Amino acid sequence: RLTGQQQEINNLIQRKNAVDEENARLKTEFCNLNQKFKDKSQELKDTEECAQKKEEQNRLVIKHLEEENKGLNTCCADLLNDLEKLRKQEAQWETEKSGNDAKIK
């Protein structure tokens, strides 16, 4: 009976050692996975910050381009007005020239 109990104790010790080894392995794996999670979390945070900065830069570029476009539209409108005035003036000069040519003949 004593031998049976001793054998049972030895089996329990072996199981305990196996469980302790498995626990140690799982703890190491957990630590590694936890570190990877922290690294990935930091990487995600950095990526989000970078994306946010890029969005802000893009907003500023768009705002600048819209302002520049507004200025160019104003300039185009002014040039079109000037062109229209010059065309009217050209038409007036053509009329005057025709009149003068008629007088000369």
C-alpha atoms as a PDB file:
ATOM      1  CA  ARG A   1       0.000   0.000   0.000  1.00  0.00           C
ATOM      2  CA  LEU A   2       2.866   2.348   0.870  1.00  0.00           C
ATOM      3  CA  THR A   3       4.523   1.637  -2.460  1.00  0.00           C
ATOM      4  CA  GLY A   4       1.259   2.422  -4.252  1.00  0.00           C
ATOM      5  CA  GLN A   5       0.960   5.705  -2.394  1.00  0.00           C
ATOM      6  CA  GLN A   6       4.624   6.513  -3.116  1.00  0.00           C
ATOM      7  CA  GLN A   7       4.012   5.779  -6.809  1.00  0.00           C
ATOM      8  CA  GLU A   8       0.911   8.002  -6.746  1.00  0.00           C
ATOM      9  CA  ILE A   9       2.951  10.803  -5.106  1.00  0.00           C
ATOM     10  CA  ASN A  10       5.661  10.412  -7.778  1.00  0.00           C
ATOM     11  CA  ASN A  11       3.014  10.573 -10.511  1.00  0.00           C
ATOM     12  CA  LEU A  12       1.497  13.686  -8.923  1.00  0.00           C
ATOM     13  CA  ILE A  13       4.956  15.298  -8.659  1.00  0.00           C
ATOM     14  CA  GLN A  14       5.586  14.524 -12.341  1.00  0.00           C
ATOM     15  CA  ARG A  15       2.201  16.007 -13.286  1.00  0.00           C
ATOM     16  CA  LYS A  16       2.933  19.059 -11.106  1.00  0.00           C
ATOM     17  CA  ASN A  17       6.331  19.513 -12.792  1.00  0.00           C
ATOM     18  CA  ALA A  18       4.708  19.172 -16.218  1.00  0.00           C
ATOM     19  CA  VAL A  19       2.039  21.712 -15.254  1.00  0.00           C
ATOM     20  CA  ASP A  20       4.709  24.071 -13.867  1.00  0.00           C
ATOM     21  CA  GLU A  21       6.669  23.800 -17.124  1.00  0.00           C
ATOM     22  CA  GLU A  22       3.531  24.401 -19.155  1.00  0.00           C
ATOM     23  CA  ASN A  23       2.684  27.402 -16.947  1.00  0.00           C
ATOM     24  CA  ALA A  24       6.193  28.802 -17.396  1.00  0.00           C
ATOM     25  CA  ARG A  25       5.953  28.308 -21.171  1.00  0.00           C
ATOM     26  CA  LEU A  26       2.513  29.937 -21.284  1.00  0.00           C
ATOM     27  CA  LYS A  27       3.715  32.803 -19.095  1.00  0.00           C
ATOM     28  CA  THR A  28       6.660  33.419 -21.450  1.00  0.00           C
ATOM     29  CA  GLU A  29       4.332  33.222 -24.455  1.00  0.00           C
ATOM     30  CA  PHE A  30       1.920  35.626 -22.751  1.00  0.00           C
ATOM     31  CA  CYS A  31       4.741  38.078 -22.029  1.00  0.00           C
ATOM     32  CA  ASN A  32       5.889  37.879 -25.656  1.00  0.00           C
ATOM     33  CA  LEU A  33       2.359  38.377 -26.966  1.00  0.00           C
ATOM     34  CA  ASN A  34       1.771  41.223 -24.521  1.00  0.00           C
ATOM     35  CA  GLN A  35       4.955  42.922 -25.734  1.00  0.00           C
ATOM     36  CA  LYS A  36       3.875  42.455 -29.350  1.00  0.00           C
ATOM     37  CA  PHE A  37       0.489  43.942 -28.456  1.00  0.00           C
ATOM     38  CA  LYS A  38       2.173  46.959 -26.848  1.00  0.00           C
ATOM     39  CA  ASP A  39       4.432  47.364 -29.883  1.00  0.00           C
ATOM     40  CA  LYS A  40       1.501  47.134 -32.284  1.00  0.00           C
ATOM     41  CA  SER A  41      -0.535  49.540 -30.150  1.00  0.00           C
ATOM     42  CA  GLN A  42       2.307  52.057 -30.277  1.00  0.00           C
ATOM     43  CA  GLU A  43       2.687  51.477 -34.005  1.00  0.00           C
ATOM     44  CA  LEU A  44      -1.053  52.088 -34.476  1.00  0.00           C
ATOM     45  CA  LYS A  45      -0.880  55.247 -32.368  1.00  0.00           C
ATOM     46  CA  ASP A  46       2.094  56.506 -34.385  1.00  0.00           C
ATOM     47  CA  THR A  47       0.306  55.691 -37.648  1.00  0.00           C
ATOM     48  CA  GLU A  48      -2.848  57.485 -36.508  1.00  0.00           C
ATOM     49  CA  GLU A  49      -0.816  60.542 -35.474  1.00  0.00           C
ATOM     50  CA  CYS A  50       0.967  60.513 -38.835  1.00  0.00           C
ATOM     51  CA  ALA A  51      -2.355  60.192 -40.677  1.00  0.00           C
ATOM     52  CA  GLN A  52      -3.779  63.059 -38.631  1.00  0.00           C
ATOM     53  CA  LYS A  53      -0.781  65.255 -39.460  1.00  0.00           C
ATOM     54  CA  LYS A  54      -1.115  64.367 -43.148  1.00  0.00           C
ATOM     55  CA  GLU A  55      -4.821  65.230 -43.062  1.00  0.00           C
ATOM     56  CA  GLU A  56      -4.034  68.587 -41.474  1.00  0.00           C
ATOM     57  CA  GLN A  57      -1.330  69.258 -44.073  1.00  0.00           C
ATOM     58  CA  ASN A  58      -3.762  68.306 -46.829  1.00  0.00           C
ATOM     59  CA  ARG A  59      -6.406  70.626 -45.388  1.00  0.00           C
ATOM     60  CA  LEU A  60      -3.874  73.471 -45.357  1.00  0.00           C
ATOM     61  CA  VAL A  61      -2.792  72.724 -48.922  1.00  0.00           C
ATOM     62  CA  ILE A  62      -6.427  72.606 -50.061  1.00  0.00           C
ATOM     63  CA  LYS A  63      -7.163  75.887 -48.282  1.00  0.00           C
ATOM     64  CA  HIS A  64      -4.099  77.490 -49.868  1.00  0.00           C
ATOM     65  CA  LEU A  65      -5.065  76.187 -53.310  1.00  0.00           C
ATOM     66  CA  GLU A  66      -8.642  77.402 -52.893  1.00  0.00           C
ATOM     67  CA  GLU A  67      -7.363  80.868 -51.959  1.00  0.00           C
ATOM     68  CA  GLU A  68      -4.960  80.819 -54.893  1.00  0.00           C
ATOM     69  CA  ASN A  69      -7.785  79.666 -57.175  1.00  0.00           C
ATOM     70  CA  LYS A  70      -9.986  82.505 -55.924  1.00  0.00           C
ATOM     71  CA  GLY A  71      -7.217  84.981 -56.748  1.00  0.00           C
ATOM     72  CA  LEU A  72      -6.719  83.449 -60.189  1.00  0.00           C
ATOM     73  CA  ASN A  73     -10.474  83.581 -60.861  1.00  0.00           C
ATOM     74  CA  THR A  74     -10.467  87.281 -59.947  1.00  0.00           C
ATOM     75  CA  CYS A  75      -7.467  87.832 -62.210  1.00  0.00           C
ATOM     76  CA  CYS A  76      -9.201  85.960 -65.067  1.00  0.00           C
ATOM     77  CA  ALA A  77     -12.345  88.025 -64.592  1.00  0.00           C
ATOM     78  CA  ASP A  78     -10.277  91.223 -64.702  1.00  0.00           C
ATOM     79  CA  LEU A  79      -8.487  90.041 -67.848  1.00  0.00           C
ATOM     80  CA  LEU A  80     -11.793  89.142 -69.505  1.00  0.00           C
ATOM     81  CA  ASN A  81     -13.117  92.622 -68.665  1.00  0.00           C
ATOM     82  CA  ASP A  82      -9.955  94.175 -70.109  1.00  0.00           C
ATOM     83  CA  LEU A  83     -10.299  92.022 -73.242  1.00  0.00           C
ATOM     84  CA  GLU A  84     -13.923  93.078 -73.679  1.00  0.00           C
ATOM     85  CA  LYS A  85     -12.925  96.740 -73.331  1.00  0.00           C
ATOM     86  CA  LEU A  86     -10.132  96.261 -75.872  1.00  0.00           C
ATOM     87  CA  ARG A  87     -12.514  94.570 -78.304  1.00  0.00           C
ATOM     88  CA  LYS A  88     -14.976  97.435 -77.961  1.00  0.00           C
ATOM     89  CA  GLN A  89     -12.136  99.894 -78.465  1.00  0.00           C
ATOM     90  CA  GLU A  90     -10.938  97.908 -81.493  1.00  0.00           C
ATOM     91  CA  ALA A  91     -14.447  97.951 -82.953  1.00  0.00           C
ATOM     92  CA  GLN A  92     -14.642 101.713 -82.350  1.00  0.00           C
ATOM     93  CA  TRP A  93     -11.268 102.239 -84.038  1.00  0.00           C
ATOM     94  CA  GLU A  94     -12.348 100.062 -86.965  1.00  0.00           C
ATOM     95  CA  THR A  95     -15.448 102.238 -87.327  1.00  0.00           C
ATOM     96  CA  GLU A  96     -13.353 105.388 -87.124  1.00  0.00           C
ATOM     97  CA  LYS A  97     -10.818 103.958 -89.588  1.00  0.00           C
ATOM     98  CA  SER A  98     -13.575 103.074 -92.037  1.00  0.00           C
ATOM     99  CA  GLY A  99     -14.919 106.586 -91.688  1.00  0.00           C
ATOM    100  CA  ASN A 100     -11.481 108.102 -92.174  1.00  0.00           C
ATOM    101  CA  ASP A 101     -10.790 105.818 -95.140  1.00  0.00           C
ATOM    102  CA  ALA A 102     -14.070 106.917 -96.672  1.00  0.00           C
ATOM    103  CA  LYS A 103     -13.166 110.589 -96.173  1.00  0.00           C
ATOM    104  CA  ILE A 104      -9.713 110.031 -97.693  1.00  0.00           C
ATOM    105  CA  LYS A 105     -11.236 108.407-100.803  1.00  0.00           C
END
